[in-house]
Amino acid sequence: MAGWCERDRREWRVLNSYERFEGAVALLVTAVISAVILVALARLVVSVVDTLVFRALNPLEHTVFQRVFGEIMTVLIALEFNHTLRYVIARELGIIHVKVVILIAQLAVVRKVIVTDLYEAAPASVAALAAGARQG
C-alpha cells in the first residue's frame, strides 16, 4: 500500500491543474457513489429479508421478482459506474469514454424494462423503452 501511495504522490506532481481537478472530482464522485451503493445494498438486503422471509412471498411471483431484481440491477449499475470512475482516478483513462457511458445507460434501460409493468404502462412509454433497448 505504501508503494501505491508513493506512486500517486509522484504522479500528482506532474499533473497540470485541470488533471488534478479532474482526479479530485472523480474521487469525490466515487465516494458519493460508494455511499449510495452501501445504502442501496442495505435496503436491498432488508427488502429481500422482509419480502421473502417475513412475508413469505414467492420469489417467482412476477411483481416480487420485478421489485427484487430491479433493486439488484440498481446496485449493479452503481457498481459499474463506480468501477468506471476508478480508471479516471488511477489515471489509466483520461476521462470516461462514451462507450462505457452508453453501456451503463443500456443497463439502466434494461432495468427499467424489467421493473415496468407493461400492461399498465402507457403505449408511448413502452414504445420509448423498446426504442431505447433497440439502440444497443
Protein backbone atom coordinates (compact mmCIF):
# COMPACT_ATOMS: atom_id res chain seq x y z
CA MET A 1 0.00 0.00 0.00
CA ALA A 2 2.87 2.38 0.76
CA GLY A 3 4.22 1.94 -2.79
CA TRP A 4 0.83 2.74 -4.24
CA CYS A 5 0.61 5.99 -2.25
CA GLU A 6 4.16 6.96 -3.22
CA ARG A 7 3.38 6.36 -6.91
CA ASP A 8 0.29 8.58 -6.63
CA ARG A 9 2.30 11.36 -4.98
CA ARG A 10 4.91 11.22 -7.76
CA GLU A 11 2.23 11.28 -10.47
CA TRP A 12 0.33 14.09 -8.70
CA ARG A 13 3.39 16.38 -9.02
CA VAL A 14 3.49 16.06 -12.81
CA LEU A 15 -0.22 16.64 -13.39
CA ASN A 16 -1.45 20.02 -14.53
CA SER A 17 -4.11 21.85 -12.53
CA TYR A 18 -7.02 20.61 -14.63
CA GLU A 19 -5.88 16.97 -14.35
CA ARG A 20 -5.66 17.41 -10.57
CA PHE A 21 -9.12 18.95 -10.54
CA GLU A 22 -10.49 16.09 -12.66
CA GLY A 23 -8.94 13.50 -10.36
CA ALA A 24 -10.27 15.22 -7.24
CA VAL A 25 -13.79 15.42 -8.70
CA ALA A 26 -13.65 11.76 -9.74
CA LEU A 27 -12.53 10.82 -6.24
CA LEU A 28 -15.37 12.81 -4.66
CA VAL A 29 -17.97 11.35 -7.03
CA THR A 30 -16.61 7.87 -6.28
CA ALA A 31 -17.06 8.48 -2.55
CA VAL A 32 -20.64 9.68 -3.09
CA ILE A 33 -21.49 6.72 -5.32
CA SER A 34 -19.91 4.35 -2.79
CA ALA A 35 -22.22 5.77 -0.13
CA VAL A 36 -25.19 5.31 -2.46
CA ILE A 37 -24.12 1.72 -3.14
CA LEU A 38 -23.90 0.96 0.57
CA VAL A 39 -27.35 2.42 1.24
CA ALA A 40 -28.86 0.64 -1.78
CA LEU A 41 -27.26 -2.64 -0.71
CA ALA A 42 -28.58 -2.28 2.84
CA ARG A 43 -32.06 -1.51 1.52
CA LEU A 44 -31.83 -4.49 -0.85
CA VAL A 45 -30.92 -6.86 1.98
CA VAL A 46 -33.70 -5.50 4.21
CA SER A 47 -36.20 -5.70 1.34
CA VAL A 48 -35.27 -9.28 0.42
CA VAL A 49 -35.38 -10.46 4.02
CA ASP A 50 -38.68 -8.67 4.65
CA THR A 51 -40.30 -9.79 1.41
CA LEU A 52 -39.11 -13.35 1.15
CA VAL A 53 -38.68 -14.38 4.79
CA PHE A 54 -41.12 -12.41 6.93
CA ARG A 55 -43.92 -12.05 4.38
CA ALA A 56 -43.15 -15.46 2.85
CA LEU A 57 -43.80 -14.19 -0.66
CA ASN A 58 -42.91 -16.36 -3.61
CA PRO A 59 -39.80 -15.02 -5.40
CA LEU A 60 -41.17 -16.46 -8.63
CA GLU A 61 -44.24 -14.22 -8.41
CA HIS A 62 -43.93 -11.63 -11.15
CA THR A 63 -44.27 -8.47 -9.03
CA VAL A 64 -41.92 -9.75 -6.32
CA PHE A 65 -39.33 -10.72 -8.93
CA GLN A 66 -39.62 -7.32 -10.63
CA ARG A 67 -39.10 -5.41 -7.41
CA VAL A 68 -36.19 -7.51 -6.09
CA PHE A 69 -34.42 -7.78 -9.44
CA GLY A 70 -34.89 -4.05 -10.04
CA GLU A 71 -33.16 -3.32 -6.74
CA ILE A 72 -30.33 -5.72 -7.63
CA MET A 73 -29.90 -4.03 -11.02
CA THR A 74 -29.74 -0.62 -9.30
CA VAL A 75 -26.83 -1.81 -7.16
CA LEU A 76 -25.08 -3.34 -10.18
CA ILE A 77 -25.45 -0.15 -12.24
CA ALA A 78 -23.99 1.92 -9.41
CA LEU A 79 -21.12 -0.56 -9.01
CA GLU A 80 -20.34 -0.39 -12.72
CA PHE A 81 -20.38 3.40 -12.65
CA ASN A 82 -18.05 3.41 -9.63
CA HIS A 83 -15.77 0.88 -11.32
CA THR A 84 -15.53 3.15 -14.36
CA LEU A 85 -14.58 6.16 -12.24
CA ARG A 86 -11.77 4.14 -10.69
CA TYR A 87 -9.91 4.26 -14.01
CA VAL A 88 -10.07 8.05 -14.05
CA ILE A 89 -8.68 8.23 -10.51
CA ALA A 90 -5.90 5.76 -11.31
CA ARG A 91 -5.06 7.83 -14.42
CA GLU A 92 -5.45 4.75 -16.62
CA LEU A 93 -8.03 6.60 -18.72
CA GLY A 94 -8.12 10.33 -19.25
CA ILE A 95 -11.87 10.68 -18.99
CA ILE A 96 -14.80 8.32 -19.08
CA HIS A 97 -15.29 7.00 -22.60
CA VAL A 98 -18.62 7.40 -24.37
CA LYS A 99 -18.82 3.65 -24.97
CA VAL A 100 -18.80 2.99 -21.22
CA VAL A 101 -21.46 5.63 -20.59
CA ILE A 102 -23.65 4.09 -23.30
CA LEU A 103 -23.26 0.63 -21.76
CA ILE A 104 -24.25 1.94 -18.32
CA ALA A 105 -27.25 3.70 -19.90
CA GLN A 106 -28.24 0.44 -21.60
CA LEU A 107 -28.13 -1.29 -18.22
CA ALA A 108 -30.45 1.40 -16.88
CA VAL A 109 -32.87 0.90 -19.80
CA VAL A 110 -32.85 -2.86 -19.25
CA ARG A 111 -33.56 -2.29 -15.57
CA LYS A 112 -36.48 -0.04 -16.50
CA VAL A 113 -37.85 -2.69 -18.87
CA ILE A 114 -37.65 -5.28 -16.09
CA VAL A 115 -39.42 -3.19 -13.45
CA THR A 116 -42.10 -1.73 -15.75
CA ASP A 117 -45.47 -3.43 -15.75
CA LEU A 118 -46.06 -3.41 -19.49
CA TYR A 119 -49.81 -3.96 -19.05
CA GLU A 120 -50.20 -0.78 -17.01
CA ALA A 121 -47.67 1.44 -18.79
CA ALA A 122 -48.76 3.90 -21.44
CA PRO A 123 -48.18 2.67 -25.00
CA ALA A 124 -45.88 5.60 -25.71
CA SER A 125 -43.71 4.61 -22.70
CA VAL A 126 -43.50 1.02 -23.93
CA ALA A 127 -42.56 2.26 -27.43
CA ALA A 128 -39.87 4.54 -25.95
CA LEU A 129 -38.44 1.67 -23.89
CA ALA A 130 -38.41 -0.56 -26.96
CA ALA A 131 -36.65 2.14 -28.99
CA GLY A 132 -34.12 2.68 -26.20
CA ALA A 133 -33.41 -1.02 -25.89
CA ARG A 134 -33.14 -1.37 -29.66
CA GLN A 135 -30.32 1.21 -29.88
CA GLY A 136 -27.93 -1.29 -28.26
